[in-house]
Amino acid sequence: MEWRQQSSVSCKDAFTEARRWIEEVTGKSFGCSDFRSALENGVLLCDLINQLKPGIIKRMNRLSTPIAGLDNVNVFLKACGKLGLNESQLFHPGDLQDLSTRVTLRRDESQRRLKNVLITIFWLGRKAQFDTYYSGPQLNFKAFEGLLGLALSKVSCLFNCRVFLIFLSAFFFKIPWSIVTLSFLKPGSRRRQ
């Protein structure tokens, strides 16, 4: 998905809400004002998911090396998969790496990567809200509208265009409406919810 068209102002609420939710769920402070730096070693993310589903992560690497942080982030992402998040809902482990020392860095690359992390936190918060066993703090999804608005509108537009083309071709080829409407109601159809 393309996030370049989203302004940093529209994501500010999402960063603030993600930070608030992570701190409330884990009971731990970010320790610094930089979102990426606070999550870079993966410890806070592992603590978060262990609060949502106790015992899902058995061990964390508490060393202060980049490899230990990458290991923790990978363990966090695998635990997200165990909770039911799709691969498309997960950020890449490299999205939390510090890019400030890179010479050939596009201006918006760092922001794009952090938005990927926010999207994973959004889906994790959503998963927690619908889990009957979790009764902790809830993520305010309204704060993520600026971040997700464009992506959701693109998905909706693609779906509506596909529906229009199916109905248009059904009309053109004189396919009975009952067959056309049944294709949308069949289990296993490709329709997105």
N, C-alpha and C. Protein backbone atom coordinates (compact mmCIF):
# COMPACT_ATOMS: atom_id res chain seq x y z
N MET A 1 0.83 -1.18 0.00
CA MET A 1 0.00 0.00 0.00
C MET A 1 0.88 1.24 0.00
N GLU A 2 0.37 2.32 -0.54
CA GLU A 2 1.15 3.53 -0.67
C GLU A 2 0.70 4.54 0.39
N TRP A 3 1.63 4.95 1.24
CA TRP A 3 1.29 5.85 2.34
C TRP A 3 1.86 7.25 2.13
N ARG A 4 2.53 7.50 1.02
CA ARG A 4 3.20 8.78 0.83
C ARG A 4 2.24 9.96 0.80
N GLN A 5 1.01 9.72 0.43
CA GLN A 5 0.06 10.80 0.31
C GLN A 5 -0.49 11.25 1.66
N GLN A 6 -0.23 10.52 2.71
CA GLN A 6 -0.70 10.90 4.03
C GLN A 6 0.27 11.88 4.66
N SER A 7 -0.24 12.94 5.25
CA SER A 7 0.64 13.91 5.89
C SER A 7 1.03 13.44 7.28
N SER A 8 2.14 13.96 7.78
CA SER A 8 2.58 13.58 9.12
C SER A 8 1.62 14.09 10.18
N VAL A 9 0.91 15.20 9.89
CA VAL A 9 -0.06 15.74 10.84
C VAL A 9 -1.20 14.75 11.05
N SER A 10 -1.65 14.10 9.99
CA SER A 10 -2.77 13.16 10.11
C SER A 10 -2.37 11.92 10.91
N CYS A 11 -1.08 11.65 11.03
CA CYS A 11 -0.61 10.47 11.77
C CYS A 11 -0.21 10.81 13.20
N LYS A 12 -0.15 12.07 13.52
CA LYS A 12 0.28 12.47 14.87
C LYS A 12 -0.63 11.88 15.94
N ASP A 13 -1.93 11.90 15.69
CA ASP A 13 -2.88 11.32 16.65
C ASP A 13 -2.65 9.82 16.81
N ALA A 14 -2.32 9.15 15.71
CA ALA A 14 -2.08 7.71 15.77
C ALA A 14 -0.83 7.40 16.60
N PHE A 15 0.24 8.19 16.41
CA PHE A 15 1.45 8.00 17.21
C PHE A 15 1.16 8.21 18.70
N THR A 16 0.43 9.26 19.01
CA THR A 16 0.10 9.57 20.41
C THR A 16 -0.76 8.47 21.02
N GLU A 17 -1.75 8.02 20.28
CA GLU A 17 -2.65 6.97 20.80
C GLU A 17 -1.94 5.63 20.94
N ALA A 18 -1.10 5.29 19.99
CA ALA A 18 -0.35 4.02 20.08
C ALA A 18 0.56 4.04 21.31
N ARG A 19 1.22 5.17 21.54
CA ARG A 19 2.09 5.29 22.71
C ARG A 19 1.29 5.16 24.00
N ARG A 20 0.16 5.88 24.07
CA ARG A 20 -0.67 5.82 25.28
C ARG A 20 -1.12 4.39 25.55
N TRP A 21 -1.59 3.71 24.52
CA TRP A 21 -2.11 2.35 24.69
C TRP A 21 -1.01 1.38 25.12
N ILE A 22 0.14 1.45 24.49
CA ILE A 22 1.25 0.56 24.85
C ILE A 22 1.68 0.80 26.29
N GLU A 23 1.78 2.06 26.69
CA GLU A 23 2.19 2.38 28.07
C GLU A 23 1.15 1.90 29.08
N GLU A 24 -0.13 2.07 28.78
CA GLU A 24 -1.18 1.63 29.71
C GLU A 24 -1.26 0.11 29.81
N VAL A 25 -1.13 -0.57 28.69
CA VAL A 25 -1.22 -2.03 28.71
C VAL A 25 -0.03 -2.65 29.43
N THR A 26 1.18 -2.15 29.13
CA THR A 26 2.39 -2.74 29.72
C THR A 26 2.70 -2.20 31.11
N GLY A 27 2.21 -1.01 31.41
CA GLY A 27 2.54 -0.38 32.68
C GLY A 27 3.96 0.18 32.69
N LYS A 28 4.56 0.30 31.50
CA LYS A 28 5.93 0.81 31.37
C LYS A 28 5.94 2.04 30.50
N SER A 29 6.87 2.93 30.82
CA SER A 29 7.01 4.16 30.05
C SER A 29 7.86 3.93 28.81
N PHE A 30 7.65 4.75 27.79
CA PHE A 30 8.45 4.67 26.57
C PHE A 30 9.92 4.98 26.86
N GLY A 31 10.19 5.82 27.82
CA GLY A 31 11.57 6.12 28.19
C GLY A 31 12.20 7.22 27.36
N CYS A 32 11.67 7.50 26.18
CA CYS A 32 12.16 8.60 25.35
C CYS A 32 11.00 9.11 24.50
N SER A 33 11.20 10.27 23.90
CA SER A 33 10.12 10.86 23.12
C SER A 33 10.06 10.31 21.70
N ASP A 34 11.12 9.63 21.25
CA ASP A 34 11.16 9.11 19.89
C ASP A 34 10.47 7.75 19.83
N PHE A 35 9.42 7.67 19.03
CA PHE A 35 8.61 6.45 18.91
C PHE A 35 9.45 5.26 18.47
N ARG A 36 10.24 5.44 17.43
CA ARG A 36 11.05 4.37 16.88
C ARG A 36 12.08 3.87 17.88
N SER A 37 12.77 4.78 18.53
CA SER A 37 13.81 4.40 19.49
C SER A 37 13.25 3.62 20.68
N ALA A 38 12.05 3.98 21.10
CA ALA A 38 11.44 3.29 22.24
C ALA A 38 11.07 1.84 21.92
N LEU A 39 10.76 1.58 20.66
CA LEU A 39 10.33 0.23 20.27
C LEU A 39 11.43 -0.58 19.59
N GLU A 40 12.53 0.07 19.27
CA GLU A 40 13.59 -0.52 18.47
C GLU A 40 14.14 -1.83 19.03
N ASN A 41 14.31 -1.93 20.35
CA ASN A 41 14.87 -3.17 20.92
C ASN A 41 13.84 -4.29 21.08
N GLY A 42 12.57 -4.00 20.80
CA GLY A 42 11.53 -5.02 20.80
C GLY A 42 11.03 -5.45 22.16
N VAL A 43 11.67 -5.01 23.23
CA VAL A 43 11.27 -5.44 24.58
C VAL A 43 9.87 -4.94 24.92
N LEU A 44 9.60 -3.68 24.64
CA LEU A 44 8.28 -3.12 24.94
C LEU A 44 7.19 -3.80 24.11
N LEU A 45 7.49 -4.14 22.87
CA LEU A 45 6.54 -4.85 22.01
C LEU A 45 6.26 -6.25 22.56
N CYS A 46 7.31 -6.93 23.00
CA CYS A 46 7.12 -8.28 23.58
C CYS A 46 6.32 -8.20 24.88
N ASP A 47 6.59 -7.18 25.70
CA ASP A 47 5.81 -6.99 26.93
C ASP A 47 4.35 -6.72 26.59
N LEU A 48 4.12 -5.94 25.54
CA LEU A 48 2.75 -5.63 25.12
C LEU A 48 1.98 -6.90 24.75
N ILE A 49 2.56 -7.70 23.92
CA ILE A 49 1.83 -8.89 23.46
C ILE A 49 1.69 -9.93 24.57
N ASN A 50 2.65 -9.95 25.52
CA ASN A 50 2.51 -10.85 26.66
C ASN A 50 1.40 -10.39 27.60
N GLN A 51 1.10 -9.10 27.63
CA GLN A 51 -0.03 -8.61 28.42
C GLN A 51 -1.35 -8.94 27.75
N LEU A 52 -1.35 -8.92 26.42
CA LEU A 52 -2.57 -9.24 25.68
C LEU A 52 -2.89 -10.74 25.74
N LYS A 53 -1.85 -11.54 25.64
CA LYS A 53 -1.99 -13.00 25.69
C LYS A 53 -0.83 -13.53 26.54
N PRO A 54 -1.02 -13.66 27.84
CA PRO A 54 0.06 -14.06 28.74
C PRO A 54 0.73 -15.37 28.33
N GLY A 55 2.05 -15.34 28.32
CA GLY A 55 2.83 -16.54 28.03
C GLY A 55 3.07 -16.83 26.56
N ILE A 56 2.57 -15.97 25.68
CA ILE A 56 2.74 -16.25 24.25
C ILE A 56 4.21 -16.11 23.83
N ILE A 57 4.94 -15.24 24.53
CA ILE A 57 6.39 -15.12 24.31
C ILE A 57 7.07 -15.64 25.57
N LYS A 58 7.84 -16.67 25.40
CA LYS A 58 8.48 -17.33 26.54
C LYS A 58 9.79 -16.66 26.95
N ARG A 59 10.54 -16.13 25.97
CA ARG A 59 11.81 -15.51 26.31
C ARG A 59 12.04 -14.26 25.47
N MET A 60 12.73 -13.31 26.09
CA MET A 60 13.13 -12.09 25.40
C MET A 60 14.63 -11.92 25.55
N ASN A 61 15.24 -11.34 24.58
CA ASN A 61 16.66 -11.06 24.62
C ASN A 61 16.85 -9.65 25.18
N ARG A 62 17.39 -9.52 26.38
CA ARG A 62 17.50 -8.22 27.04
C ARG A 62 18.85 -7.53 26.80
N LEU A 63 19.68 -8.09 25.95
CA LEU A 63 20.94 -7.44 25.62
C LEU A 63 20.67 -6.16 24.83
N SER A 64 21.57 -5.21 24.94
CA SER A 64 21.36 -3.94 24.25
C SER A 64 22.13 -3.88 22.93
N THR A 65 22.00 -4.92 22.13
CA THR A 65 22.65 -4.95 20.83
C THR A 65 21.58 -4.91 19.74
N PRO A 66 21.94 -4.44 18.55
CA PRO A 66 20.96 -4.41 17.45
C PRO A 66 20.43 -5.81 17.09
N ILE A 67 21.28 -6.81 17.17
CA ILE A 67 20.85 -8.17 16.85
C ILE A 67 19.82 -8.67 17.87
N ALA A 68 20.01 -8.34 19.15
CA ALA A 68 19.05 -8.72 20.19
C ALA A 68 17.70 -8.04 19.92
N GLY A 69 17.74 -6.76 19.54
CA GLY A 69 16.51 -6.04 19.22
C GLY A 69 15.79 -6.65 18.04
N LEU A 70 16.54 -7.00 17.01
CA LEU A 70 15.94 -7.62 15.83
C LEU A 70 15.33 -8.98 16.19
N ASP A 71 16.00 -9.72 17.06
CA ASP A 71 15.48 -11.01 17.52
C ASP A 71 14.15 -10.81 18.25
N ASN A 72 14.08 -9.82 19.14
CA ASN A 72 12.85 -9.54 19.88
C ASN A 72 11.72 -9.11 18.95
N VAL A 73 12.03 -8.28 17.96
CA VAL A 73 11.01 -7.84 17.02
C VAL A 73 10.47 -9.03 16.23
N ASN A 74 11.36 -9.92 15.81
CA ASN A 74 10.92 -11.12 15.08
C ASN A 74 10.04 -12.01 15.95
N VAL A 75 10.39 -12.14 17.23
CA VAL A 75 9.58 -12.95 18.16
C VAL A 75 8.20 -12.30 18.32
N PHE A 76 8.17 -10.97 18.42
CA PHE A 76 6.91 -10.24 18.52
C PHE A 76 6.03 -10.49 17.29
N LEU A 77 6.62 -10.39 16.11
CA LEU A 77 5.86 -10.57 14.87
C LEU A 77 5.32 -12.00 14.74
N LYS A 78 6.12 -12.98 15.17
CA LYS A 78 5.63 -14.37 15.15
C LYS A 78 4.47 -14.54 16.12
N ALA A 79 4.54 -13.89 17.27
CA ALA A 79 3.45 -13.97 18.24
C ALA A 79 2.19 -13.30 17.68
N CYS A 80 2.36 -12.21 16.94
CA CYS A 80 1.21 -11.56 16.29
C CYS A 80 0.54 -12.54 15.32
N GLY A 81 1.36 -13.29 14.59
CA GLY A 81 0.82 -14.31 13.68
C GLY A 81 0.06 -15.38 14.43
N LYS A 82 0.56 -15.78 15.60
CA LYS A 82 -0.14 -16.78 16.41
C LYS A 82 -1.49 -16.27 16.90
N LEU A 83 -1.58 -14.95 17.10
CA LEU A 83 -2.85 -14.36 17.52
C LEU A 83 -3.84 -14.21 16.38
N GLY A 84 -3.36 -14.42 15.15
CA GLY A 84 -4.27 -14.38 14.02
C GLY A 84 -4.08 -13.21 13.08
N LEU A 85 -3.08 -12.36 13.28
CA LEU A 85 -2.83 -11.28 12.34
C LEU A 85 -2.22 -11.85 11.06
N ASN A 86 -2.66 -11.34 9.93
CA ASN A 86 -2.14 -11.77 8.64
C ASN A 86 -0.78 -11.14 8.39
N GLU A 87 -0.03 -11.74 7.50
CA GLU A 87 1.29 -11.20 7.16
C GLU A 87 1.17 -9.79 6.60
N SER A 88 0.09 -9.50 5.89
CA SER A 88 -0.09 -8.16 5.32
C SER A 88 -0.37 -7.11 6.39
N GLN A 89 -0.72 -7.53 7.59
CA GLN A 89 -0.99 -6.60 8.69
C GLN A 89 0.24 -6.34 9.55
N LEU A 90 1.34 -7.01 9.24
CA LEU A 90 2.55 -6.91 10.05
C LEU A 90 3.60 -6.03 9.36
N PHE A 91 4.33 -5.29 10.17
CA PHE A 91 5.44 -4.51 9.63
C PHE A 91 6.63 -5.42 9.40
N HIS A 92 7.58 -4.95 8.66
CA HIS A 92 8.82 -5.69 8.41
C HIS A 92 9.76 -5.42 9.59
N PRO A 93 10.53 -6.41 10.04
CA PRO A 93 11.44 -6.18 11.17
C PRO A 93 12.39 -5.00 10.96
N GLY A 94 12.77 -4.73 9.73
CA GLY A 94 13.67 -3.61 9.44
C GLY A 94 13.01 -2.25 9.55
N ASP A 95 11.70 -2.21 9.72
CA ASP A 95 11.00 -0.92 9.81
C ASP A 95 11.34 -0.16 11.09
N LEU A 96 11.86 -0.84 12.09
CA LEU A 96 12.24 -0.16 13.34
C LEU A 96 13.74 0.18 13.41
N GLN A 97 14.47 -0.12 12.36
CA GLN A 97 15.90 0.20 12.37
C GLN A 97 16.13 1.70 12.23
N ASP A 98 17.22 2.16 12.83
CA ASP A 98 17.60 3.57 12.74
C ASP A 98 18.18 3.84 11.35
N LEU A 99 17.56 4.75 10.63
CA LEU A 99 18.00 5.06 9.28
C LEU A 99 18.73 6.40 9.19
N SER A 100 18.95 7.05 10.32
CA SER A 100 19.52 8.39 10.30
C SER A 100 20.95 8.45 9.77
N THR A 101 21.68 7.35 9.83
CA THR A 101 23.07 7.37 9.38
C THR A 101 23.22 6.96 7.92
N ARG A 102 22.13 6.60 7.27
CA ARG A 102 22.20 6.20 5.86
C ARG A 102 22.39 7.41 4.97
N VAL A 103 23.27 7.27 4.00
CA VAL A 103 23.55 8.37 3.08
C VAL A 103 22.46 8.47 2.01
N THR A 104 22.04 7.34 1.49
CA THR A 104 21.05 7.32 0.41
C THR A 104 19.67 7.01 0.97
N LEU A 105 19.11 7.94 1.69
CA LEU A 105 17.80 7.75 2.31
C LEU A 105 16.82 8.73 1.71
N ARG A 106 15.73 8.20 1.20
CA ARG A 106 14.68 9.10 0.71
C ARG A 106 14.09 9.85 1.88
N ARG A 107 13.62 11.04 1.62
CA ARG A 107 13.14 11.92 2.67
C ARG A 107 12.00 11.31 3.49
N ASP A 108 11.11 10.61 2.85
CA ASP A 108 9.93 10.10 3.56
C ASP A 108 10.03 8.62 3.95
N GLU A 109 11.18 8.00 3.72
CA GLU A 109 11.33 6.56 3.98
C GLU A 109 11.15 6.21 5.47
N SER A 110 11.74 7.01 6.33
CA SER A 110 11.65 6.75 7.76
C SER A 110 10.20 6.85 8.25
N GLN A 111 9.47 7.87 7.78
CA GLN A 111 8.06 8.04 8.17
C GLN A 111 7.22 6.88 7.66
N ARG A 112 7.48 6.44 6.43
CA ARG A 112 6.72 5.34 5.85
C ARG A 112 6.89 4.08 6.69
N ARG A 113 8.10 3.83 7.12
CA ARG A 113 8.38 2.64 7.92
C ARG A 113 7.67 2.70 9.28
N LEU A 114 7.67 3.87 9.89
CA LEU A 114 6.98 4.01 11.18
C LEU A 114 5.48 3.86 11.03
N LYS A 115 4.95 4.28 9.89
CA LYS A 115 3.51 4.10 9.65
C LYS A 115 3.17 2.62 9.55
N ASN A 116 4.08 1.84 8.99
CA ASN A 116 3.87 0.38 8.93
C ASN A 116 3.77 -0.20 10.34
N VAL A 117 4.61 0.30 11.25
CA VAL A 117 4.58 -0.16 12.65
C VAL A 117 3.24 0.24 13.28
N LEU A 118 2.79 1.47 13.01
CA LEU A 118 1.50 1.92 13.55
C LEU A 118 0.35 1.05 13.06
N ILE A 119 0.41 0.64 11.82
CA ILE A 119 -0.66 -0.19 11.26
C ILE A 119 -0.71 -1.54 11.98
N THR A 120 0.45 -2.11 12.28
CA THR A 120 0.47 -3.37 13.03
C THR A 120 -0.12 -3.18 14.42
N ILE A 121 0.23 -2.08 15.07
CA ILE A 121 -0.30 -1.80 16.40
C ILE A 121 -1.82 -1.62 16.34
N PHE A 122 -2.30 -0.96 15.28
CA PHE A 122 -3.74 -0.82 15.09
C PHE A 122 -4.42 -2.19 15.02
N TRP A 123 -3.90 -3.10 14.18
CA TRP A 123 -4.52 -4.41 14.03
C TRP A 123 -4.40 -5.24 15.30
N LEU A 124 -3.31 -5.09 16.02
CA LEU A 124 -3.15 -5.80 17.28
C LEU A 124 -4.16 -5.30 18.31
N GLY A 125 -4.34 -3.98 18.36
CA GLY A 125 -5.34 -3.40 19.26
C GLY A 125 -6.74 -3.83 18.92
N ARG A 126 -7.01 -3.94 17.66
CA ARG A 126 -8.32 -4.40 17.20
C ARG A 126 -8.56 -5.86 17.59
N LYS A 127 -7.52 -6.66 17.43
CA LYS A 127 -7.60 -8.08 17.81
C LYS A 127 -7.85 -8.19 19.31
N ALA A 128 -7.17 -7.36 20.11
CA ALA A 128 -7.34 -7.40 21.56
C ALA A 128 -8.75 -6.99 21.97
N GLN A 129 -9.30 -6.00 21.29
CA GLN A 129 -10.63 -5.53 21.64
C GLN A 129 -11.69 -6.61 21.46
N PHE A 130 -11.52 -7.46 20.46
CA PHE A 130 -12.51 -8.50 20.19
C PHE A 130 -12.19 -9.82 20.89
N ASP A 131 -11.10 -9.86 21.66
CA ASP A 131 -10.75 -11.05 22.42
C ASP A 131 -11.55 -11.05 23.72
N THR A 132 -12.31 -12.10 23.95
CA THR A 132 -13.17 -12.14 25.14
C THR A 132 -12.39 -12.25 26.44
N TYR A 133 -11.15 -12.72 26.38
CA TYR A 133 -10.35 -12.89 27.58
C TYR A 133 -9.56 -11.64 27.96
N TYR A 134 -9.46 -10.68 27.06
CA TYR A 134 -8.71 -9.45 27.35
C TYR A 134 -9.65 -8.38 27.87
N SER A 135 -9.31 -7.81 29.02
CA SER A 135 -10.17 -6.77 29.60
C SER A 135 -9.37 -5.52 29.97
N GLY A 136 -8.21 -5.35 29.37
CA GLY A 136 -7.36 -4.20 29.67
C GLY A 136 -7.74 -2.96 28.88
N PRO A 137 -6.85 -1.97 28.87
CA PRO A 137 -7.11 -0.72 28.14
C PRO A 137 -7.37 -0.97 26.65
N GLN A 138 -8.25 -0.16 26.10
CA GLN A 138 -8.63 -0.29 24.69
C GLN A 138 -7.93 0.79 23.85
N LEU A 139 -7.63 0.43 22.63
CA LEU A 139 -7.04 1.36 21.68
C LEU A 139 -8.15 2.19 21.06
N ASN A 140 -7.93 3.51 20.97
CA ASN A 140 -8.91 4.40 20.36
C ASN A 140 -8.69 4.37 18.84
N PHE A 141 -9.53 3.68 18.12
CA PHE A 141 -9.36 3.49 16.68
C PHE A 141 -9.57 4.78 15.89
N LYS A 142 -10.32 5.71 16.46
CA LYS A 142 -10.58 6.97 15.77
C LYS A 142 -9.29 7.73 15.50
N ALA A 143 -8.29 7.56 16.35
CA ALA A 143 -7.01 8.25 16.16
C ALA A 143 -6.26 7.75 14.93
N PHE A 144 -6.64 6.60 14.42
CA PHE A 144 -5.94 6.00 13.28
C PHE A 144 -6.63 6.30 11.94
N GLU A 145 -7.72 7.07 11.98
CA GLU A 145 -8.45 7.35 10.75
C GLU A 145 -7.59 8.07 9.71
N GLY A 146 -6.79 9.03 10.13
CA GLY A 146 -5.94 9.76 9.20
C GLY A 146 -4.93 8.84 8.54
N LEU A 147 -4.45 7.88 9.28
CA LEU A 147 -3.46 6.94 8.76
C LEU A 147 -4.09 5.93 7.82
N LEU A 148 -5.25 5.42 8.20
CA LEU A 148 -5.87 4.34 7.44
C LEU A 148 -6.90 4.80 6.43
N GLY A 149 -7.31 6.05 6.50
CA GLY A 149 -8.38 6.54 5.63
C GLY A 149 -8.13 6.32 4.17
N LEU A 150 -6.97 6.68 3.69
CA LEU A 150 -6.65 6.55 2.27
C LEU A 150 -6.64 5.09 1.85
N ALA A 151 -6.02 4.24 2.65
CA ALA A 151 -5.93 2.82 2.30
C ALA A 151 -7.31 2.19 2.26
N LEU A 152 -8.14 2.49 3.26
CA LEU A 152 -9.47 1.90 3.31
C LEU A 152 -10.34 2.42 2.17
N SER A 153 -10.18 3.70 1.80
CA SER A 153 -10.97 4.23 0.69
C SER A 153 -10.54 3.59 -0.62
N LYS A 154 -9.24 3.29 -0.79
CA LYS A 154 -8.78 2.62 -2.01
C LYS A 154 -9.36 1.22 -2.10
N VAL A 155 -9.38 0.48 -0.99
CA VAL A 155 -9.94 -0.87 -0.98
C VAL A 155 -11.42 -0.81 -1.31
N SER A 156 -12.14 0.13 -0.70
CA SER A 156 -13.57 0.27 -0.93
C SER A 156 -13.84 0.61 -2.39
N CYS A 157 -13.06 1.51 -2.96
CA CYS A 157 -13.24 1.90 -4.35
C CYS A 157 -13.00 0.71 -5.28
N LEU A 158 -11.96 -0.05 -5.04
CA LEU A 158 -11.67 -1.22 -5.87
C LEU A 158 -12.80 -2.23 -5.80
N PHE A 159 -13.34 -2.45 -4.60
CA PHE A 159 -14.42 -3.40 -4.44
C PHE A 159 -15.66 -2.91 -5.17
N ASN A 160 -16.00 -1.62 -5.02
CA ASN A 160 -17.19 -1.08 -5.68
C ASN A 160 -17.05 -1.13 -7.20
N CYS A 161 -15.86 -0.87 -7.73
CA CYS A 161 -15.63 -0.95 -9.17
C CYS A 161 -15.81 -2.39 -9.66
N ARG A 162 -15.32 -3.34 -8.90
CA ARG A 162 -15.46 -4.75 -9.26
C ARG A 162 -16.93 -5.15 -9.29
N VAL A 163 -17.70 -4.73 -8.31
CA VAL A 163 -19.13 -5.03 -8.25
C VAL A 163 -19.83 -4.43 -9.47
N PHE A 164 -19.51 -3.19 -9.78
CA PHE A 164 -20.13 -2.52 -10.92
C PHE A 164 -19.83 -3.28 -12.21
N LEU A 165 -18.59 -3.70 -12.41
CA LEU A 165 -18.22 -4.43 -13.62
C LEU A 165 -18.93 -5.78 -13.71
N ILE A 166 -19.09 -6.46 -12.59
CA ILE A 166 -19.79 -7.75 -12.59
C ILE A 166 -21.25 -7.55 -12.98
N PHE A 167 -21.90 -6.56 -12.38
CA PHE A 167 -23.30 -6.32 -12.71
C PHE A 167 -23.47 -5.82 -14.14
N LEU A 168 -22.54 -5.01 -14.62
CA LEU A 168 -22.59 -4.53 -16.00
C LEU A 168 -22.43 -5.69 -16.98
N SER A 169 -21.47 -6.58 -16.72
CA SER A 169 -21.28 -7.72 -17.61
C SER A 169 -22.48 -8.68 -17.52
N ALA A 170 -23.08 -8.80 -16.35
CA ALA A 170 -24.27 -9.65 -16.21
C ALA A 170 -25.42 -9.09 -17.05
N PHE A 171 -25.56 -7.78 -17.05
CA PHE A 171 -26.59 -7.14 -17.86
C PHE A 171 -26.31 -7.33 -19.35
N PHE A 172 -25.06 -7.11 -19.73
CA PHE A 172 -24.67 -7.20 -21.13
C PHE A 172 -24.83 -8.61 -21.69
N PHE A 173 -24.42 -9.62 -20.90
CA PHE A 173 -24.50 -11.01 -21.36
C PHE A 173 -25.80 -11.69 -20.95
N LYS A 174 -26.71 -10.93 -20.37
CA LYS A 174 -28.04 -11.43 -19.97
C LYS A 174 -27.96 -12.63 -19.02
N ILE A 175 -27.07 -12.53 -18.03
CA ILE A 175 -26.95 -13.57 -17.00
C ILE A 175 -28.03 -13.29 -15.96
N PRO A 176 -28.75 -14.31 -15.52
CA PRO A 176 -29.81 -14.09 -14.51
C PRO A 176 -29.24 -13.47 -13.23
N TRP A 177 -30.00 -12.53 -12.66
CA TRP A 177 -29.54 -11.83 -11.45
C TRP A 177 -29.35 -12.78 -10.27
N SER A 178 -30.13 -13.83 -10.23
CA SER A 178 -30.00 -14.77 -9.11
C SER A 178 -28.61 -15.41 -9.10
N ILE A 179 -28.05 -15.68 -10.26
CA ILE A 179 -26.70 -16.26 -10.33
C ILE A 179 -25.66 -15.23 -9.92
N VAL A 180 -25.86 -14.00 -10.36
CA VAL A 180 -24.90 -12.93 -10.04
C VAL A 180 -24.89 -12.67 -8.54
N THR A 181 -26.06 -12.54 -7.93
CA THR A 181 -26.11 -12.24 -6.49
C THR A 181 -25.64 -13.42 -5.66
N LEU A 182 -25.86 -14.65 -6.12
CA LEU A 182 -25.38 -15.81 -5.38
C LEU A 182 -23.86 -15.87 -5.33
N SER A 183 -23.20 -15.35 -6.35
CA SER A 183 -21.74 -15.38 -6.34
C SER A 183 -21.17 -14.51 -5.23
N PHE A 184 -21.93 -13.50 -4.79
CA PHE A 184 -21.47 -12.66 -3.68
C PHE A 184 -21.76 -13.28 -2.33
N LEU A 185 -22.72 -14.16 -2.27
CA LEU A 185 -23.11 -14.73 -0.99
C LEU A 185 -22.47 -16.08 -0.72
N LYS A 186 -21.80 -16.66 -1.69
CA LYS A 186 -21.16 -17.98 -1.50
C LYS A 186 -20.06 -17.90 -0.47
N PRO A 187 -19.96 -18.89 0.44
CA PRO A 187 -18.82 -18.90 1.34
C PRO A 187 -17.55 -19.15 0.53
N GLY A 188 -16.50 -18.48 0.93
CA GLY A 188 -15.23 -18.64 0.23
C GLY A 188 -15.11 -17.70 -0.96
N SER A 189 -16.10 -16.83 -1.18
CA SER A 189 -15.96 -15.89 -2.28
C SER A 189 -14.87 -14.89 -1.91
N ARG A 190 -14.37 -14.18 -2.88
CA ARG A 190 -13.22 -13.29 -2.65
C ARG A 190 -13.63 -11.94 -2.10
N ARG A 191 -14.85 -11.77 -1.72
CA ARG A 191 -15.31 -10.49 -1.23
C ARG A 191 -14.66 -10.13 0.10
N ARG A 192 -14.16 -8.90 0.21
CA ARG A 192 -13.52 -8.45 1.46
C ARG A 192 -14.57 -7.89 2.39
N GLN A 193 -14.35 -8.12 3.66
CA GLN A 193 -15.27 -7.62 4.68
C GLN A 193 -14.88 -6.23 5.09
